[in-house]
Amino acid sequence: QEDSPVFHLSSPVMEIPVTGNEVLLELFAKALSLNLFAQQTRGATIAMAEDIGQIMLCFMQEKNNCDEHRFEAIMEGFYETVQDVRQKLEDIAIDSSGKKNSGAPDIGVFV
């Protein structure tokens, strides 16, 4: 909303794999550990969008504390963080053929 004091960024990281409980448990444990204190996610949060079957990366920023240079840095950092988180989670979610399958677009930012 235009009158909101914040803006949100979100991007799919990967599809929630259809796999055994042990792999899902390991995947979600890794996602939670990456979320700890938001240090490895650069202030973003890893979340599950169950309705679309995706693991997402989400970020919120106050508008009044964001000029054009800060916005550019946020976008660059968010892109890099999506790639980093995706790589760390894909290492766990390898399908039976042995290849990585994120099932998510390269990057998609929804503001």
C-alpha atoms as a PDB file:
ATOM      1  CA  GLN A   1       0.000   0.000   0.000  1.00  0.00           C
ATOM      2  CA  GLU A   2       1.186   3.485  -0.797  1.00  0.00           C
ATOM      3  CA  ASP A   3       0.380   4.834   2.668  1.00  0.00           C
ATOM      4  CA  SER A   4       2.295   2.068   4.413  1.00  0.00           C
ATOM      5  CA  PRO A   5       5.443   3.258   6.232  1.00  0.00           C
ATOM      6  CA  VAL A   6       7.365   0.178   5.005  1.00  0.00           C
ATOM      7  CA  PHE A   7       7.979  -1.751   1.830  1.00  0.00           C
ATOM      8  CA  HIS A   8       8.429  -5.495   1.538  1.00  0.00           C
ATOM      9  CA  LEU A   9      10.629  -7.564  -0.738  1.00  0.00           C
ATOM     10  CA  SER A  10      10.116 -11.278  -1.228  1.00  0.00           C
ATOM     11  CA  SER A  11      11.492 -13.876  -3.567  1.00  0.00           C
ATOM     12  CA  PRO A  12      11.047 -17.617  -4.007  1.00  0.00           C
ATOM     13  CA  VAL A  13      14.159 -19.508  -2.919  1.00  0.00           C
ATOM     14  CA  MET A  14      13.085 -23.018  -3.845  1.00  0.00           C
ATOM     15  CA  GLU A  15      10.129 -25.360  -4.095  1.00  0.00           C
ATOM     16  CA  ILE A  16       9.329 -27.293  -0.965  1.00  0.00           C
ATOM     17  CA  PRO A  17      10.531 -30.714  -2.074  1.00  0.00           C
ATOM     18  CA  VAL A  18       8.216 -33.696  -2.109  1.00  0.00           C
ATOM     19  CA  THR A  19      10.475 -36.070  -0.256  1.00  0.00           C
ATOM     20  CA  GLY A  20      10.897 -38.052   2.913  1.00  0.00           C
ATOM     21  CA  ASN A  21      10.463 -36.552   6.359  1.00  0.00           C
ATOM     22  CA  GLU A  22      14.181 -36.798   7.170  1.00  0.00           C
ATOM     23  CA  VAL A  23      15.148 -34.555   4.247  1.00  0.00           C
ATOM     24  CA  LEU A  24      12.398 -32.049   5.077  1.00  0.00           C
ATOM     25  CA  LEU A  25      13.454 -32.006   8.710  1.00  0.00           C
ATOM     26  CA  GLU A  26      17.073 -31.338   7.702  1.00  0.00           C
ATOM     27  CA  LEU A  27      15.992 -28.665   5.207  1.00  0.00           C
ATOM     28  CA  PHE A  28      13.776 -26.816   7.693  1.00  0.00           C
ATOM     29  CA  ALA A  29      16.407 -27.115  10.423  1.00  0.00           C
ATOM     30  CA  LYS A  30      18.949 -25.505   8.092  1.00  0.00           C
ATOM     31  CA  ALA A  31      16.486 -22.739   7.169  1.00  0.00           C
ATOM     32  CA  LEU A  32      15.828 -22.017  10.840  1.00  0.00           C
ATOM     33  CA  SER A  33      19.539 -21.949  11.630  1.00  0.00           C
ATOM     34  CA  LEU A  34      20.111 -19.471   8.776  1.00  0.00           C
ATOM     35  CA  ASN A  35      17.338 -17.300  10.258  1.00  0.00           C
ATOM     36  CA  LEU A  36      19.016 -17.120  13.674  1.00  0.00           C
ATOM     37  CA  PHE A  37      19.566 -13.424  14.493  1.00  0.00           C
ATOM     38  CA  ALA A  38      19.127 -12.728  10.723  1.00  0.00           C
ATOM     39  CA  GLN A  39      22.907 -12.553  10.381  1.00  0.00           C
ATOM     40  CA  GLN A  40      23.296 -15.050   7.548  1.00  0.00           C
ATOM     41  CA  THR A  41      20.239 -13.630   5.800  1.00  0.00           C
ATOM     42  CA  ARG A  42      21.364  -9.978   6.048  1.00  0.00           C
ATOM     43  CA  GLY A  43      18.239  -8.945   7.916  1.00  0.00           C
ATOM     44  CA  ALA A  44      15.841 -10.972   5.751  1.00  0.00           C
ATOM     45  CA  THR A  45      13.704 -13.872   6.942  1.00  0.00           C
ATOM     46  CA  ILE A  46      13.290 -17.328   5.438  1.00  0.00           C
ATOM     47  CA  ALA A  47       9.633 -18.374   5.406  1.00  0.00           C
ATOM     48  CA  MET A  48       7.415 -21.067   3.956  1.00  0.00           C
ATOM     49  CA  ALA A  49       4.601 -20.087   1.587  1.00  0.00           C
ATOM     50  CA  GLU A  50       2.691 -23.328   1.864  1.00  0.00           C
ATOM     51  CA  ASP A  51      -0.093 -22.134  -0.459  1.00  0.00           C
ATOM     52  CA  ILE A  52       2.361 -21.930  -3.385  1.00  0.00           C
ATOM     53  CA  GLY A  53       4.749 -24.651  -2.192  1.00  0.00           C
ATOM     54  CA  GLN A  54       7.787 -22.373  -1.945  1.00  0.00           C
ATOM     55  CA  ILE A  55      10.422 -21.458   0.568  1.00  0.00           C
ATOM     56  CA  MET A  56      10.676 -17.662   0.402  1.00  0.00           C
ATOM     57  CA  LEU A  57      13.104 -14.967   1.458  1.00  0.00           C
ATOM     58  CA  CYS A  58      11.375 -11.841   2.827  1.00  0.00           C
ATOM     59  CA  PHE A  59      12.689  -8.413   3.784  1.00  0.00           C
ATOM     60  CA  MET A  60      11.003  -5.298   5.184  1.00  0.00           C
ATOM     61  CA  GLN A  61      12.371  -1.742   5.194  1.00  0.00           C
ATOM     62  CA  GLU A  62      11.024   1.553   6.498  1.00  0.00           C
ATOM     63  CA  LYS A  63      10.456   3.970   3.624  1.00  0.00           C
ATOM     64  CA  ASN A  64      11.510   7.065   5.544  1.00  0.00           C
ATOM     65  CA  ASN A  65      14.915   5.488   6.224  1.00  0.00           C
ATOM     66  CA  CYS A  66      15.666   4.641   2.603  1.00  0.00           C
ATOM     67  CA  ASP A  67      17.078   6.960  -0.022  1.00  0.00           C
ATOM     68  CA  GLU A  68      17.959   5.849  -3.564  1.00  0.00           C
ATOM     69  CA  HIS A  69      21.470   4.711  -2.586  1.00  0.00           C
ATOM     70  CA  ARG A  70      20.161   2.673   0.347  1.00  0.00           C
ATOM     71  CA  PHE A  71      17.466   1.155  -1.898  1.00  0.00           C
ATOM     72  CA  GLU A  72      20.083   0.136  -4.462  1.00  0.00           C
ATOM     73  CA  ALA A  73      22.226  -1.468  -1.741  1.00  0.00           C
ATOM     74  CA  ILE A  74      19.179  -3.284  -0.355  1.00  0.00           C
ATOM     75  CA  MET A  75      18.277  -4.683  -3.785  1.00  0.00           C
ATOM     76  CA  GLU A  76      21.841  -5.835  -4.477  1.00  0.00           C
ATOM     77  CA  GLY A  77      22.147  -7.406  -1.038  1.00  0.00           C
ATOM     78  CA  PHE A  78      18.742  -9.074  -1.320  1.00  0.00           C
ATOM     79  CA  TYR A  79      19.653 -10.603  -4.689  1.00  0.00           C
ATOM     80  CA  GLU A  80      22.953 -11.930  -3.305  1.00  0.00           C
ATOM     81  CA  THR A  81      21.216 -13.287  -0.208  1.00  0.00           C
ATOM     82  CA  VAL A  82      18.587 -15.144  -2.262  1.00  0.00           C
ATOM     83  CA  GLN A  83      21.374 -16.803  -4.244  1.00  0.00           C
ATOM     84  CA  ASP A  84      23.345 -17.662  -1.082  1.00  0.00           C
ATOM     85  CA  VAL A  85      20.359 -19.083   0.804  1.00  0.00           C
ATOM     86  CA  ARG A  86      19.249 -21.032  -2.269  1.00  0.00           C
ATOM     87  CA  GLN A  87      22.679 -22.626  -2.597  1.00  0.00           C
ATOM     88  CA  LYS A  88      22.801 -23.586   1.084  1.00  0.00           C
ATOM     89  CA  LEU A  89      19.334 -25.144   1.022  1.00  0.00           C
ATOM     90  CA  GLU A  90      19.765 -26.848  -2.351  1.00  0.00           C
ATOM     91  CA  ASP A  91      22.764 -28.697  -0.939  1.00  0.00           C
ATOM     92  CA  ILE A  92      20.243 -30.528   1.252  1.00  0.00           C
ATOM     93  CA  ALA A  93      17.370 -30.916  -1.216  1.00  0.00           C
ATOM     94  CA  ILE A  94      18.894 -33.111  -3.896  1.00  0.00           C
ATOM     95  CA  ASP A  95      16.417 -35.247  -5.784  1.00  0.00           C
ATOM     96  CA  SER A  96      16.852 -38.962  -6.391  1.00  0.00           C
ATOM     97  CA  SER A  97      18.616 -38.359  -9.722  1.00  0.00           C
ATOM     98  CA  GLY A  98      21.418 -36.613  -7.869  1.00  0.00           C
ATOM     99  CA  LYS A  99      20.887 -33.184  -9.438  1.00  0.00           C
ATOM    100  CA  LYS A 100      19.879 -30.005  -7.676  1.00  0.00           C
ATOM    101  CA  ASN A 101      16.326 -28.897  -8.258  1.00  0.00           C
ATOM    102  CA  SER A 102      15.318 -25.557  -6.790  1.00  0.00           C
ATOM    103  CA  GLY A 103      12.054 -25.359  -8.714  1.00  0.00           C
ATOM    104  CA  ALA A 104      12.175 -21.593  -8.269  1.00  0.00           C
ATOM    105  CA  PRO A 105      12.937 -18.830 -10.763  1.00  0.00           C
ATOM    106  CA  ASP A 106      16.458 -17.410 -10.800  1.00  0.00           C
ATOM    107  CA  ILE A 107      15.222 -14.440  -8.810  1.00  0.00           C
ATOM    108  CA  GLY A 108      11.878 -12.811  -8.389  1.00  0.00           C
ATOM    109  CA  VAL A 109      11.437  -9.735  -6.276  1.00  0.00           C
ATOM    110  CA  PHE A 110       7.956  -8.742  -5.295  1.00  0.00           C
ATOM    111  CA  VAL A 111       7.659  -5.261  -3.823  1.00  0.00           C
END
